[in-house]
Amino acid sequence: MNLTAVLHAGFGVSVLAGILVSDTTLRIAAFALGVVLFVAGIVVSRRGD
């Protein structure tokens, strides 16, 4: 598994955790982490070109 796949998988897990968590602060933090991981995955894949 390459780094891009790992970062995008982390995005999926983070968003799923955000959906399952009931506390608003933790939900926002999980979604924010998901966004960061998704963007990092895009950046890593673009740098590999």
N, C-alpha and C. Protein backbone atom coordinates (compact mmCIF):
# COMPACT_ATOMS: atom_id res chain seq x y z
N MET A 1 0.84 -1.18 0.00
CA MET A 1 0.00 0.00 0.00
C MET A 1 0.89 1.24 0.00
N ASN A 2 0.61 2.15 -0.89
CA ASN A 2 1.42 3.36 -0.94
C ASN A 2 0.88 4.42 0.03
N LEU A 3 1.64 5.47 0.21
CA LEU A 3 1.29 6.50 1.18
C LEU A 3 -0.02 7.19 0.84
N THR A 4 -0.29 7.40 -0.44
CA THR A 4 -1.55 8.04 -0.84
C THR A 4 -2.74 7.19 -0.41
N ALA A 5 -2.65 5.90 -0.60
CA ALA A 5 -3.74 5.00 -0.20
C ALA A 5 -3.93 5.01 1.31
N VAL A 6 -2.84 5.04 2.05
CA VAL A 6 -2.93 5.07 3.51
C VAL A 6 -3.59 6.36 3.98
N LEU A 7 -3.21 7.49 3.39
CA LEU A 7 -3.80 8.77 3.79
C LEU A 7 -5.29 8.82 3.45
N HIS A 8 -5.67 8.31 2.29
CA HIS A 8 -7.08 8.31 1.93
C HIS A 8 -7.88 7.31 2.76
N ALA A 9 -7.27 6.21 3.15
CA ALA A 9 -7.94 5.28 4.06
C ALA A 9 -8.14 5.93 5.43
N GLY A 10 -7.13 6.68 5.88
CA GLY A 10 -7.27 7.43 7.13
C GLY A 10 -8.39 8.44 7.05
N PHE A 11 -8.56 9.05 5.89
CA PHE A 11 -9.68 9.97 5.66
C PHE A 11 -11.00 9.24 5.87
N GLY A 12 -11.14 8.08 5.29
CA GLY A 12 -12.38 7.31 5.41
C GLY A 12 -12.67 6.93 6.85
N VAL A 13 -11.66 6.48 7.55
CA VAL A 13 -11.83 6.09 8.96
C VAL A 13 -12.19 7.30 9.80
N SER A 14 -11.55 8.42 9.55
CA SER A 14 -11.81 9.64 10.32
C SER A 14 -13.24 10.14 10.10
N VAL A 15 -13.70 10.13 8.86
CA VAL A 15 -15.06 10.57 8.58
C VAL A 15 -16.07 9.61 9.20
N LEU A 16 -15.80 8.32 9.13
CA LEU A 16 -16.69 7.34 9.76
C LEU A 16 -16.74 7.55 11.26
N ALA A 17 -15.59 7.81 11.87
CA ALA A 17 -15.57 8.09 13.31
C ALA A 17 -16.36 9.36 13.62
N GLY A 18 -16.24 10.36 12.76
CA GLY A 18 -17.00 11.59 12.96
C GLY A 18 -18.49 11.37 12.90
N ILE A 19 -18.92 10.45 12.06
CA ILE A 19 -20.35 10.14 11.96
C ILE A 19 -20.82 9.40 13.20
N LEU A 20 -19.99 8.51 13.72
CA LEU A 20 -20.39 7.67 14.85
C LEU A 20 -20.30 8.36 16.20
N VAL A 21 -19.47 9.39 16.32
CA VAL A 21 -19.27 10.07 17.60
C VAL A 21 -20.43 11.02 17.84
N SER A 22 -20.90 11.07 19.09
CA SER A 22 -22.05 11.92 19.39
C SER A 22 -21.64 13.32 19.88
N ASP A 23 -20.44 13.44 20.44
CA ASP A 23 -20.00 14.74 20.95
C ASP A 23 -19.65 15.67 19.78
N THR A 24 -20.17 16.88 19.82
CA THR A 24 -20.00 17.82 18.71
C THR A 24 -18.53 18.18 18.49
N THR A 25 -17.80 18.43 19.57
CA THR A 25 -16.39 18.82 19.44
C THR A 25 -15.57 17.70 18.80
N LEU A 26 -15.78 16.48 19.25
CA LEU A 26 -15.05 15.35 18.67
C LEU A 26 -15.45 15.12 17.22
N ARG A 27 -16.71 15.34 16.91
CA ARG A 27 -17.19 15.18 15.53
C ARG A 27 -16.50 16.17 14.60
N ILE A 28 -16.42 17.43 15.03
CA ILE A 28 -15.76 18.45 14.22
C ILE A 28 -14.28 18.14 14.07
N ALA A 29 -13.64 17.69 15.15
CA ALA A 29 -12.22 17.34 15.10
C ALA A 29 -11.97 16.17 14.15
N ALA A 30 -12.85 15.17 14.17
CA ALA A 30 -12.69 14.01 13.28
C ALA A 30 -12.87 14.42 11.82
N PHE A 31 -13.86 15.27 11.54
CA PHE A 31 -14.05 15.74 10.18
C PHE A 31 -12.87 16.60 9.72
N ALA A 32 -12.35 17.44 10.61
CA ALA A 32 -11.20 18.28 10.26
C ALA A 32 -9.98 17.41 9.97
N LEU A 33 -9.76 16.40 10.80
CA LEU A 33 -8.65 15.48 10.56
C LEU A 33 -8.83 14.76 9.22
N GLY A 34 -10.06 14.38 8.91
CA GLY A 34 -10.34 13.75 7.63
C GLY A 34 -9.99 14.64 6.46
N VAL A 35 -10.34 15.91 6.55
CA VAL A 35 -10.02 16.87 5.48
C VAL A 35 -8.51 17.00 5.32
N VAL A 36 -7.80 17.10 6.43
CA VAL A 36 -6.34 17.22 6.38
C VAL A 36 -5.73 15.99 5.73
N LEU A 37 -6.19 14.80 6.11
CA LEU A 37 -5.65 13.57 5.52
C LEU A 37 -5.97 13.47 4.03
N PHE A 38 -7.17 13.89 3.64
CA PHE A 38 -7.55 13.84 2.24
C PHE A 38 -6.67 14.76 1.40
N VAL A 39 -6.48 15.98 1.87
CA VAL A 39 -5.64 16.94 1.15
C VAL A 39 -4.19 16.47 1.12
N ALA A 40 -3.72 15.90 2.22
CA ALA A 40 -2.35 15.38 2.25
C ALA A 40 -2.19 14.25 1.24
N GLY A 41 -3.20 13.41 1.11
CA GLY A 41 -3.15 12.34 0.11
C GLY A 41 -3.05 12.88 -1.30
N ILE A 42 -3.79 13.94 -1.58
CA ILE A 42 -3.72 14.57 -2.91
C ILE A 42 -2.35 15.17 -3.14
N VAL A 43 -1.82 15.87 -2.14
CA VAL A 43 -0.50 16.50 -2.27
C VAL A 43 0.57 15.45 -2.51
N VAL A 44 0.53 14.36 -1.76
CA VAL A 44 1.53 13.30 -1.92
C VAL A 44 1.43 12.68 -3.31
N SER A 45 0.22 12.46 -3.79
CA SER A 45 0.09 11.85 -5.11
C SER A 45 0.56 12.79 -6.21
N ARG A 46 0.35 14.09 -6.05
CA ARG A 46 0.81 15.07 -7.05
C ARG A 46 2.33 15.20 -7.04
N ARG A 47 2.94 15.09 -5.88
CA ARG A 47 4.40 15.21 -5.80
C ARG A 47 5.07 14.01 -6.44
N GLY A 48 4.37 12.88 -6.51
CA GLY A 48 4.94 11.68 -7.11
C GLY A 48 4.98 11.74 -8.63
N ASP A 49 4.26 12.68 -9.25
CA ASP A 49 4.22 12.78 -10.72
C ASP A 49 5.51 13.29 -11.29
